[in-house]
Protein backbone atom coordinates (compact mmCIF):
# COMPACT_ATOMS: atom_id res chain seq x y z
CA MET A 1 0.19 0.10 -0.27
CA GLU A 2 1.44 3.66 -0.99
CA SER A 3 1.43 6.26 1.30
CA THR A 4 -1.27 8.97 0.02
CA SER A 5 0.67 12.76 -0.38
CA GLU A 6 -0.75 13.44 2.93
CA GLN A 7 0.67 11.09 4.82
CA GLN A 8 4.46 11.64 3.28
CA CYS A 9 3.90 15.26 3.75
CA ALA A 10 3.21 14.30 7.85
CA ALA A 11 6.34 11.78 7.81
CA ASP A 12 8.77 14.39 6.19
CA MET A 13 9.41 16.03 9.81
CA ASN A 14 12.83 17.90 8.79
CA ASP A 15 10.59 19.38 5.92
CA ASP A 16 13.26 18.99 2.76
CA GLY A 17 11.13 16.99 0.31
CA ASN A 18 11.80 13.58 1.04
CA VAL A 19 10.74 10.56 3.61
CA ARG A 20 14.19 8.80 5.01
CA ALA A 21 15.75 7.19 8.18
CA ASN A 22 16.20 10.87 9.75
CA ASP A 23 12.33 11.43 9.41
CA ALA A 24 12.15 8.59 11.56
CA ILE A 25 14.72 9.61 14.56
CA LEU A 26 12.56 12.88 14.84
CA ILE A 27 9.30 11.06 15.32
CA LEU A 28 10.61 8.58 17.42
CA ARG A 29 12.39 11.37 19.70
CA LYS A 30 8.32 12.89 19.66
CA VAL A 31 6.79 9.77 20.27
CA ALA A 32 9.44 8.69 22.90
CA GLY A 33 9.22 12.20 25.37
CA LEU A 34 12.82 13.54 24.25
CA GLY A 35 12.03 16.83 22.87
CA ALA A 36 14.49 18.44 20.73
CA PRO A 37 17.88 17.05 19.89
CA ASN A 38 20.81 18.28 21.96
CA LYS A 39 21.98 22.00 20.06
CA GLU A 40 26.08 20.66 20.61
CA LEU A 41 25.30 18.06 18.38
CA VAL A 42 27.00 20.45 15.44
CA LYS A 43 30.38 19.00 14.88
CA SER A 44 30.99 16.76 12.42
CA GLU A 45 32.43 13.48 12.95
CA THR A 46 33.43 10.44 11.14
CA VAL A 47 31.81 6.90 11.40
CA LYS A 48 33.18 3.59 10.37
CA ILE A 49 30.67 1.64 8.46
CA MET A 50 31.62 -2.37 8.00
CA LEU A 51 30.91 -5.67 7.02
CA ASP A 52 32.47 -8.60 7.78
CA THR A 53 34.88 -11.34 6.21
CA VAL A 54 33.06 -14.37 6.29
CA TYR A 55 33.31 -18.22 5.45
CA GLY A 56 31.61 -20.68 5.26
CA LYS A 57 30.61 -24.06 2.69
CA ILE A 58 27.98 -24.52 0.67
CA GLY A 59 24.60 -25.23 2.46
CA GLU A 60 25.69 -23.30 5.37
CA SER A 61 24.29 -20.53 6.73
CA ILE A 62 26.20 -17.56 7.93
CA THR A 63 25.51 -14.50 9.59
CA VAL A 64 27.05 -11.17 8.45
CA PRO A 65 27.09 -8.38 10.76
CA LEU A 66 26.75 -4.99 10.13
CA LYS A 67 28.63 -2.74 12.30
CA VAL A 68 30.08 1.20 13.12
CA ASP A 69 32.43 2.47 15.28
CA ASN A 70 31.63 5.71 17.53
CA ALA A 71 28.10 4.24 17.69
CA SER A 72 27.34 6.31 20.43
CA ILE A 73 26.43 9.09 17.85
CA LEU A 74 24.35 7.48 15.58
CA ALA A 75 20.31 7.45 15.49
CA GLY A 76 19.88 6.25 11.87
CA GLY A 77 20.43 5.27 8.78
CA ASP A 78 19.62 4.29 5.27
CA VAL A 79 22.16 1.68 3.81
CA CYS A 80 22.58 -0.19 0.61
CA ILE A 81 24.18 -3.82 0.56
CA THR A 82 25.79 -5.81 -2.93
CA TYR A 83 26.39 -9.25 -3.16
CA ASP A 84 26.85 -12.22 -5.49
CA SER A 85 23.30 -13.64 -5.66
CA SER A 86 24.51 -17.01 -7.67
CA VAL A 87 27.08 -17.21 -4.36
CA LEU A 88 24.27 -16.37 -1.86
CA GLN A 89 21.05 -16.55 -0.73
CA ILE A 90 19.28 -13.88 1.53
CA ALA A 91 17.69 -15.69 4.32
CA GLY A 92 17.11 -12.19 6.31
CA VAL A 93 17.30 -9.03 8.37
CA SER A 94 17.37 -8.55 12.04
CA SER A 95 18.54 -5.95 14.64
CA LYS A 96 18.88 -5.54 17.93
CA SER A 97 15.03 -4.93 19.93
CA ASP A 98 15.79 -1.71 20.81
CA VAL A 99 16.62 -0.34 17.01
CA LEU A 100 13.46 0.48 15.17
CA MET A 101 14.62 -1.60 11.35
CA ALA A 102 12.87 -1.90 7.58
CA SER A 103 14.49 -3.73 5.39
CA ASN A 104 13.54 -4.84 1.47
CA THR A 105 15.46 -7.53 -0.07
CA SER A 106 12.92 -8.56 -2.81
CA LYS A 107 15.44 -7.77 -6.03
CA PRO A 108 18.19 -10.77 -5.57
CA GLY A 109 21.97 -9.15 -4.97
CA LEU A 110 20.57 -6.37 -3.05
CA VAL A 111 19.53 -5.73 0.43
CA ARG A 112 18.13 -1.99 1.47
CA ILE A 113 18.23 -1.03 5.34
CA SER A 114 16.71 1.81 6.76
CA PHE A 115 16.92 2.25 11.20
CA ALA A 116 16.66 4.25 13.80
CA SER A 117 16.27 5.09 17.23
CA ALA A 118 14.77 7.44 20.21
CA ASP A 119 17.83 6.64 22.24
CA ILE A 120 21.18 7.12 20.94
CA THR A 121 22.97 5.92 23.67
CA CYS A 122 21.77 2.39 23.54
CA HIS A 123 23.39 1.43 20.35
CA THR A 124 25.38 -1.74 20.28
CA PRO A 125 28.51 -2.02 17.31
CA ALA A 126 26.48 -4.32 15.48
CA ILE A 127 23.35 -2.48 14.12
CA ALA A 128 22.16 -5.36 12.01
CA GLU A 129 22.86 -8.78 11.14
CA LEU A 130 22.42 -10.38 7.47
CA LYS A 131 21.29 -13.97 7.27
CA PHE A 132 22.60 -15.80 4.31
CA THR A 133 22.41 -19.20 2.93
CA VAL A 134 25.58 -20.73 0.84
CA ILE A 135 24.58 -22.00 -2.22
CA ALA A 136 27.55 -22.02 -4.50
CA ASP A 137 31.42 -22.74 -3.61
CA ASN A 138 32.85 -19.27 -4.53
CA ILE A 139 33.59 -15.99 -3.46
CA SER A 140 30.87 -12.79 -3.48
CA PRO A 141 31.91 -9.44 -2.41
CA LEU A 142 30.01 -7.98 0.46
CA GLU A 143 29.83 -4.09 -0.76
CA ILE A 144 28.29 -1.26 1.41
CA LYS A 145 26.88 0.73 -2.42
CA SER A 146 25.51 3.67 -0.43
CA ALA A 147 24.45 4.50 3.44
CA VAL A 148 23.89 7.86 5.12
CA LEU A 149 23.71 7.76 8.40
CA TYR A 150 22.38 9.72 10.73
CA ARG A 151 22.66 12.19 14.48
CA SER A 152 20.46 12.42 16.94
CA ASP A 153 19.67 16.13 15.34
CA ALA A 154 18.93 14.30 11.97
CA ARG A 155 21.78 15.46 10.16
CA ALA A 156 24.18 13.68 8.09
CA VAL A 157 27.94 12.48 9.47
CA ASP A 158 30.84 11.67 7.61
CA ILE A 159 31.03 8.66 6.89
CA LYS A 160 33.94 5.58 5.68
CA LYS A 161 32.51 2.35 4.18
CA VAL A 162 34.71 -0.84 4.95
CA ASP A 163 33.29 -3.56 2.46
CA GLY A 164 33.75 -7.36 3.42
CA LYS A 165 33.75 -10.87 1.63
CA PHE A 166 32.76 -14.50 1.73
CA THR A 167 34.72 -17.23 0.86
CA SER A 168 33.97 -20.38 1.10
CA TRP A 169 36.35 -22.54 2.56
CA ALA A 170 36.30 -24.97 -0.47
CA THR A 171 37.77 -22.27 -2.53
CA THR A 172 41.25 -23.22 -3.63
CA PRO A 173 43.67 -20.02 -2.63
CA GLU A 174 46.60 -18.50 -5.15
CA LYS A 175 48.98 -19.61 -2.44
CA SER A 176 49.53 -21.19 0.47
CA ALA A 177 50.04 -19.03 3.39
CA LEU A 178 50.69 -19.52 7.39
CA LEU A 179 48.40 -16.93 9.34
CA GLN A 180 48.68 -15.42 12.63
CA ASN A 181 47.62 -17.15 15.18
CA PHE A 182 44.17 -16.16 17.26
CA PRO A 183 44.36 -14.69 20.41
CA ASN A 184 47.84 -13.52 20.35
CA PRO A 185 48.78 -13.08 23.24
CA PHE A 186 47.12 -16.03 24.80
CA ASN A 187 46.43 -18.14 27.77
CA PRO A 188 45.96 -20.90 27.78
CA GLU A 189 45.65 -22.12 24.56
CA THR A 190 45.32 -20.92 20.81
CA TRP A 191 44.56 -21.39 17.12
CA ILE A 192 46.59 -21.03 14.54
CA PRO A 193 44.71 -20.33 10.66
CA TYR A 194 46.80 -21.02 7.34
CA GLN A 195 45.48 -21.90 3.74
CA LEU A 196 47.38 -24.61 1.24
CA LYS A 197 47.08 -23.65 -2.34
CA GLU A 198 47.55 -28.37 -2.94
CA ALA A 199 46.95 -30.83 -0.86
CA SER A 200 49.52 -31.78 1.82
CA GLU A 201 50.52 -33.35 5.31
CA ILE A 202 50.25 -30.95 7.78
CA LYS A 203 53.23 -30.24 10.55
CA ILE A 204 53.13 -27.51 13.23
CA HIS A 205 56.74 -26.98 15.36
CA ILE A 206 56.49 -25.09 17.94
CA TYR A 207 60.20 -23.38 19.16
CA THR A 208 60.99 -20.96 21.85
CA ALA A 209 62.59 -17.83 21.21
CA SER A 210 66.03 -19.61 21.26
CA GLY A 211 65.04 -22.55 19.09
CA GLU A 212 64.39 -24.65 20.87
CA LEU A 213 61.89 -27.39 19.89
CA VAL A 214 59.00 -27.15 22.72
CA ARG A 215 56.06 -29.31 20.46
CA GLU A 216 55.53 -31.08 16.95
CA ILE A 217 51.83 -31.75 16.06
CA SER A 218 50.61 -33.34 13.24
CA PHE A 219 47.38 -32.77 11.41
CA GLY A 220 47.38 -35.52 9.08
CA TYR A 221 46.34 -34.84 4.85
CA LYS A 222 44.39 -31.91 4.53
CA PRO A 223 43.20 -30.93 0.73
CA ALA A 224 43.72 -27.53 -0.77
CA GLY A 225 41.62 -25.13 1.02
CA ILE A 226 41.24 -22.18 3.47
CA TYR A 227 41.59 -22.98 7.46
CA ILE A 228 40.27 -20.42 9.53
CA GLY A 229 38.27 -20.39 12.74
CA ARG A 230 38.34 -22.67 15.79
CA ASP A 231 36.50 -25.61 13.49
CA ARG A 232 39.70 -26.10 11.19
CA ALA A 233 42.78 -23.82 11.96
CA ALA A 234 45.25 -25.83 13.57
CA TYR A 235 45.24 -25.90 17.98
CA TRP A 236 47.74 -25.49 20.36
CA ASP A 237 46.81 -26.07 24.08
CA GLY A 238 49.78 -24.46 25.28
CA LYS A 239 51.87 -27.52 26.06
CA ASN A 240 55.08 -29.15 25.27
CA GLU A 241 55.35 -32.97 24.58
CA ALA A 242 55.54 -33.81 28.18
CA GLY A 243 52.25 -32.54 28.44
CA GLU A 244 53.78 -29.78 30.91
CA ALA A 245 51.91 -25.40 30.38
CA VAL A 246 54.80 -23.36 28.70
CA ALA A 247 55.91 -20.61 30.60
CA SER A 248 54.80 -17.28 29.37
CA GLY A 249 57.29 -15.44 26.89
CA VAL A 250 57.77 -15.23 22.67
CA TYR A 251 57.53 -18.25 20.64
CA PHE A 252 57.50 -19.00 17.49
CA TYR A 253 55.16 -21.75 14.93
CA THR A 254 56.38 -23.05 12.11
CA ILE A 255 54.23 -25.01 9.25
CA LYS A 256 55.57 -27.97 6.93
CA ALA A 257 53.13 -28.14 4.35
CA GLY A 258 54.75 -30.43 0.99
CA ASN A 259 57.41 -27.72 0.30
CA PHE A 260 55.98 -24.99 2.19
CA ILE A 261 57.46 -23.69 4.91
CA GLU A 262 56.87 -20.43 6.76
CA ALA A 263 57.31 -19.14 10.60
CA LYS A 264 55.48 -16.61 12.45
CA LYS A 265 56.08 -15.51 16.10
CA MET A 266 53.11 -15.74 19.04
CA THR A 267 53.15 -14.99 22.87
CA ILE A 268 51.92 -16.61 26.00
CA VAL A 269 50.88 -14.32 29.13
CA ARG A 270 50.53 -16.15 32.08
């Protein structure tokens, strides 16, 4: 049902000739009895709006948070996100209970989101979550095509967009690589992510800063692919070959996968 011209006029709270999320902000403030916005909110501030890099495989459901930093100054926004509809199928968009949100996912490859809140202090970094079903083992960009974010006075803030990406675990990377362990520093355990261009036997070695071998861990034969995340990365429990917890300090870890060898540094803080 389309709104009448009278309804559109009534909804245009800031008299700019358009009905957007900033009008909803002013309506919510009025309904909540918050009165006029703080006049001190004149200083221009930049807000970063971000989509994550996520991983999965065909048949799985994935969640992509739409996040902002400096969230406390925001009261709403209009965001348009694009994705590859041959790789991902949108399953829904949700937000926190304190955020009024509307979304449109009717066009494949496109998600439109408008959100508003009467209380700018109640936001969390994730203003919305996009849920997808993976329908192909491939790569899909997750691009913030356009975004306008508003303060509680319904004025737009400067933004910096950070796009995300979906990558299937089954995608063969262009090169093998050893990635930084997480968490780091850590106590008592850590995960060591890596990616393989070719299928290989995997061995991880842990050394002290002086080069003494602490632990050798074999992970068997692994097919080419991406091994990131706690369910796929190599795991170390922070213990030596005797099962004893190692002391705090700097350690080095290496991966051997066929002819590929690489090393990185990590830190234990007990």
